[in-house]
């Protein structure tokens, strides 16, 4: 159910043209709230759309309004229910609503490495794809970010010019995790590769519902030329390019 909810929220996020920070914070709020409160299935969409509303108030210049939440859920909930859920989320999270997300770390690392457009879009695709995966909650946001960038820099379909920019040592092209990222993050290569293997495996798969329906909102989003057609123009990431073998 979590994956279905987030897939739908990605579509809502695109419809309202919200900034990426909003989506990441929304998922963070959902996960923290659901870790302390048991919610019946029929109220899960209410939690999701209200978390998006809260995230908008932090990140957007022109945030969604309560009436937008009612509209986007096809009037499944009333304005009063949205307002009450907002108050309940704030109370249960003790008003600690902001949090560091993978997107924030990702943007910082992309600036430091001077990454080009294709690397940026690939890394953002890998990172956003992991929002749907419950198994990724156990990873630190900064570790997801550095693993996503490492996979993007080593994508086999990336241009030679872009690869040489990040992976050359002297005049020799050496695929792997750039030394700059290891020094800056202080993560070990093994830590990064462990997360990279999970990301590579999940990106290669399609998240499915119990009825085997594919959840493709993130993939379709990154099919756009705005994002370098990252989900269709590039090969799936491979952790083997980071010099540690993939899980069997």
Protein backbone atom coordinates (compact mmCIF):
# COMPACT_ATOMS: atom_id res chain seq x y z
CA UNK A 1 0.00 0.00 0.00
CA UNK A 2 2.87 2.38 0.73
CA UNK A 3 4.27 1.97 -2.79
CA UNK A 4 0.82 2.58 -4.33
CA UNK A 5 0.38 5.72 -2.22
CA UNK A 6 3.76 7.15 -3.18
CA UNK A 7 3.23 6.31 -6.85
CA UNK A 8 0.00 8.33 -6.72
CA UNK A 9 1.68 11.17 -4.83
CA UNK A 10 4.37 11.41 -7.52
CA UNK A 11 1.59 11.97 -10.06
CA UNK A 12 -0.02 14.62 -7.83
CA UNK A 13 3.38 16.23 -7.34
CA UNK A 14 3.82 16.50 -11.12
CA UNK A 15 0.28 17.76 -11.66
CA UNK A 16 0.81 20.67 -9.26
CA UNK A 17 4.38 21.25 -10.53
CA UNK A 18 5.89 21.15 -7.06
CA UNK A 19 9.61 21.30 -6.32
CA UNK A 20 11.47 18.00 -5.68
CA UNK A 21 12.18 18.92 -2.04
CA UNK A 22 8.44 18.74 -1.37
CA UNK A 23 8.13 15.14 -2.54
CA UNK A 24 11.07 13.94 -0.47
CA UNK A 25 9.87 15.71 2.68
CA UNK A 26 6.34 14.39 2.10
CA UNK A 27 7.56 10.78 2.06
CA UNK A 28 9.70 11.42 5.13
CA UNK A 29 6.68 12.77 7.03
CA UNK A 30 4.54 9.81 5.96
CA UNK A 31 7.11 7.27 7.12
CA UNK A 32 7.73 8.95 10.47
CA UNK A 33 4.01 9.33 11.13
CA UNK A 34 3.21 5.73 10.24
CA UNK A 35 6.02 4.56 12.50
CA UNK A 36 4.12 5.87 15.54
CA UNK A 37 0.46 5.61 14.48
CA UNK A 38 -1.59 2.72 13.11
CA UNK A 39 -3.87 3.92 10.32
CA UNK A 40 -6.72 1.98 8.70
CA UNK A 41 -6.27 1.36 5.01
CA UNK A 42 -9.08 3.71 3.99
CA UNK A 43 -7.31 6.63 5.70
CA UNK A 44 -3.90 6.08 4.12
CA UNK A 45 -4.59 8.40 1.19
CA UNK A 46 -5.65 11.08 3.66
CA UNK A 47 -2.31 10.74 5.45
CA UNK A 48 -0.46 10.99 2.14
CA UNK A 49 -2.20 14.05 0.77
CA UNK A 50 -2.01 15.82 4.15
CA UNK A 51 1.72 15.07 4.40
CA UNK A 52 2.09 16.61 0.94
CA UNK A 53 0.19 19.69 2.15
CA UNK A 54 2.51 20.03 5.16
CA UNK A 55 5.61 19.58 2.99
CA UNK A 56 4.31 22.25 0.60
CA UNK A 57 4.11 24.75 3.44
CA UNK A 58 7.80 24.19 4.10
CA UNK A 59 9.12 24.10 0.55
CA UNK A 60 6.79 25.94 -1.86
CA UNK A 61 6.40 29.64 -2.57
CA UNK A 62 2.78 28.96 -3.49
CA UNK A 63 1.74 25.86 -1.53
CA UNK A 64 -1.29 23.69 -2.12
CA UNK A 65 -4.42 24.59 -0.20
CA UNK A 66 -6.79 22.37 1.75
CA UNK A 67 -9.35 22.60 -1.06
CA UNK A 68 -6.73 21.17 -3.44
CA UNK A 69 -6.37 18.13 -1.19
CA UNK A 70 -10.13 17.59 -1.27
CA UNK A 71 -10.20 17.96 -5.06
CA UNK A 72 -7.25 15.68 -5.78
CA UNK A 73 -8.76 12.87 -3.68
CA UNK A 74 -12.05 13.18 -5.61
CA UNK A 75 -13.77 14.42 -2.44
CA UNK A 76 -13.06 11.20 -0.58
CA UNK A 77 -12.28 13.41 2.43
CA UNK A 78 -13.64 16.71 3.67
CA UNK A 79 -11.75 19.92 4.45
CA UNK A 80 -12.28 19.28 8.15
CA UNK A 81 -10.75 15.81 7.88
CA UNK A 82 -7.66 17.21 6.14
CA UNK A 83 -7.24 19.94 8.76
CA UNK A 84 -7.69 17.45 11.61
CA UNK A 85 -5.16 15.07 10.05
CA UNK A 86 -2.68 17.93 9.64
CA UNK A 87 -2.99 18.74 13.34
CA UNK A 88 -2.66 15.06 14.28
CA UNK A 89 0.49 14.62 12.18
CA UNK A 90 2.05 17.74 13.72
CA UNK A 91 1.20 16.57 17.23
CA UNK A 92 2.46 13.01 16.77
CA UNK A 93 5.72 14.24 15.24
CA UNK A 94 6.03 16.80 18.06
CA UNK A 95 6.11 19.55 15.42
CA UNK A 96 9.47 18.27 14.16
CA UNK A 97 8.26 18.34 10.59
CA UNK A 98 11.41 19.17 8.64
CA UNK A 99 14.16 16.62 8.11
CA UNK A 100 17.28 16.13 5.97
CA UNK A 101 16.43 14.22 2.80
CA UNK A 102 18.40 12.43 0.10
CA UNK A 103 17.53 15.21 -2.34
CA UNK A 104 19.30 17.85 -0.24
CA UNK A 105 22.46 15.76 0.01
CA UNK A 106 22.22 14.89 -3.67
CA UNK A 107 22.16 18.51 -4.82
CA UNK A 108 25.10 19.40 -2.61
CA UNK A 109 27.21 16.52 -3.90
CA UNK A 110 26.31 17.23 -7.53
CA UNK A 111 27.55 20.80 -7.10
CA UNK A 112 30.78 19.66 -5.46
CA UNK A 113 31.51 17.16 -8.23
CA UNK A 114 30.57 19.63 -10.97
CA UNK A 115 28.29 17.04 -12.55
CA UNK A 116 26.73 17.65 -15.94
CA UNK A 117 23.06 17.46 -16.90
CA UNK A 118 22.97 13.73 -17.66
CA UNK A 119 24.63 12.72 -14.39
CA UNK A 120 22.30 15.05 -12.48
CA UNK A 121 19.18 13.60 -14.06
CA UNK A 122 20.30 9.98 -13.72
CA UNK A 123 21.22 10.46 -10.06
CA UNK A 124 17.91 12.18 -9.36
CA UNK A 125 16.05 9.34 -11.10
CA UNK A 126 17.79 6.64 -9.05
CA UNK A 127 17.26 8.54 -5.81
CA UNK A 128 13.59 9.34 -6.45
CA UNK A 129 12.92 5.78 -7.55
CA UNK A 130 14.01 4.63 -4.09
CA UNK A 131 11.27 6.69 -2.42
CA UNK A 132 8.84 3.92 -3.38
CA UNK A 133 10.92 1.19 -1.75
CA UNK A 134 10.16 0.44 1.88
CA UNK A 135 13.46 -1.45 2.11
CA UNK A 136 15.34 1.81 1.47
CA UNK A 137 14.13 3.39 4.72
CA UNK A 138 17.01 1.77 6.58
CA UNK A 139 19.62 3.70 4.57
CA UNK A 140 20.85 7.15 5.54
CA UNK A 141 19.67 9.81 3.06
CA UNK A 142 23.26 10.92 2.43
CA UNK A 143 24.26 7.34 1.61
CA UNK A 144 21.41 6.98 -0.90
CA UNK A 145 22.58 10.23 -2.48
CA UNK A 146 26.24 9.25 -2.87
CA UNK A 147 25.33 5.77 -4.15
CA UNK A 148 22.95 7.29 -6.72
CA UNK A 149 25.62 9.68 -7.98
CA UNK A 150 28.23 6.92 -8.17
CA UNK A 151 25.90 4.74 -10.23
CA UNK A 152 25.05 7.67 -12.51
CA UNK A 153 28.72 8.52 -13.11
CA UNK A 154 29.43 4.90 -14.05
CA UNK A 155 26.42 4.36 -16.33
CA UNK A 156 27.68 2.61 -19.50
CA UNK A 157 25.63 4.90 -21.74
CA UNK A 158 27.07 8.10 -20.30
CA UNK A 159 29.19 10.05 -22.77
CA UNK A 160 32.95 9.48 -22.70
CA UNK A 161 33.48 13.17 -22.05
CA UNK A 162 31.27 13.11 -18.96
CA UNK A 163 32.86 9.91 -17.66
CA UNK A 164 36.38 11.23 -18.06
CA UNK A 165 35.38 14.36 -16.14
CA UNK A 166 34.67 12.31 -13.01
CA UNK A 167 36.51 9.01 -13.37
CA UNK A 168 39.92 9.89 -14.80
CA UNK A 169 42.99 9.50 -12.61
CA UNK A 170 45.67 11.35 -14.52
CA UNK A 171 45.02 10.30 -18.11
CA UNK A 172 43.58 6.91 -17.18
CA UNK A 173 39.83 6.25 -17.03
CA UNK A 174 39.13 4.23 -13.89
CA UNK A 175 35.47 3.31 -13.36
CA UNK A 176 34.39 3.20 -9.74
CA UNK A 177 33.45 5.54 -6.93
CA UNK A 178 35.15 8.92 -7.47
CA UNK A 179 37.77 9.66 -4.83
CA UNK A 180 36.19 13.08 -4.27
CA UNK A 181 32.97 11.48 -3.02
CA UNK A 182 34.85 9.14 -0.68
CA UNK A 183 36.78 12.04 0.81
CA UNK A 184 33.80 14.35 1.10
CA UNK A 185 31.30 11.87 2.57
CA UNK A 186 33.77 9.74 4.57
CA UNK A 187 31.77 6.65 3.66
CA UNK A 188 33.76 3.58 2.75
CA UNK A 189 33.56 2.12 -0.75
CA UNK A 190 31.94 -1.00 0.73
CA UNK A 191 29.17 1.03 2.40
CA UNK A 192 28.40 2.88 -0.82
CA UNK A 193 28.45 -0.29 -2.91
CA UNK A 194 26.07 -2.10 -0.55
CA UNK A 195 23.45 0.61 -1.12
CA UNK A 196 24.30 0.91 -4.82
CA UNK A 197 23.53 -2.79 -5.30
CA UNK A 198 20.06 -2.31 -3.83
CA UNK A 199 19.41 0.79 -5.96
CA UNK A 200 20.61 -0.94 -9.14
CA UNK A 201 18.40 -3.95 -8.48
CA UNK A 202 15.31 -1.87 -7.71
CA UNK A 203 15.73 0.47 -10.70
CA UNK A 204 15.99 -2.56 -12.99
CA UNK A 205 12.72 -3.89 -11.56
CA UNK A 206 9.25 -2.36 -11.67
CA UNK A 207 7.54 -1.86 -8.35
CA UNK A 208 4.37 -3.94 -8.43
CA UNK A 209 1.15 -4.15 -6.46
CA UNK A 210 -0.06 -7.45 -5.04
CA UNK A 211 -2.17 -7.79 -8.19
CA UNK A 212 1.07 -7.52 -10.23
CA UNK A 213 0.24 -4.08 -11.61
CA UNK A 214 3.33 -2.00 -12.39
CA UNK A 215 3.79 1.29 -10.53
CA UNK A 216 5.51 3.49 -13.09
CA UNK A 217 4.98 7.12 -12.04
CA UNK A 218 8.67 7.83 -11.36
CA UNK A 219 9.80 6.03 -14.52
CA UNK A 220 7.29 7.96 -16.65
CA UNK A 221 8.32 11.23 -15.03
CA UNK A 222 11.95 10.70 -16.02
CA UNK A 223 11.04 9.68 -19.58
CA UNK A 224 10.66 13.41 -20.25
CA UNK A 225 13.32 15.28 -22.23
CA UNK A 226 13.38 17.70 -19.31
CA UNK A 227 15.20 14.95 -17.41
CA UNK A 228 17.40 13.76 -20.31
CA UNK A 229 14.97 10.86 -20.86
CA UNK A 230 16.92 9.29 -18.00
CA UNK A 231 14.63 6.29 -17.49
CA UNK A 232 14.69 5.18 -21.16
CA UNK A 233 17.84 6.55 -22.85
CA UNK A 234 20.34 5.02 -20.46
CA UNK A 235 21.10 1.45 -19.48
CA UNK A 236 19.99 0.27 -16.05
CA UNK A 237 22.66 1.00 -13.43
CA UNK A 238 25.06 -1.79 -12.52
CA UNK A 239 26.82 -1.98 -9.18
CA UNK A 240 29.45 -4.20 -10.83
CA UNK A 241 30.82 -1.01 -12.43
CA UNK A 242 31.79 0.06 -8.91
CA UNK A 243 34.02 -3.03 -8.67
CA UNK A 244 31.94 -4.96 -6.18
CA UNK A 245 29.83 -7.87 -7.48
CA UNK A 246 26.07 -7.74 -7.62
CA UNK A 247 24.09 -10.08 -5.38
CA UNK A 248 23.05 -13.27 -7.09
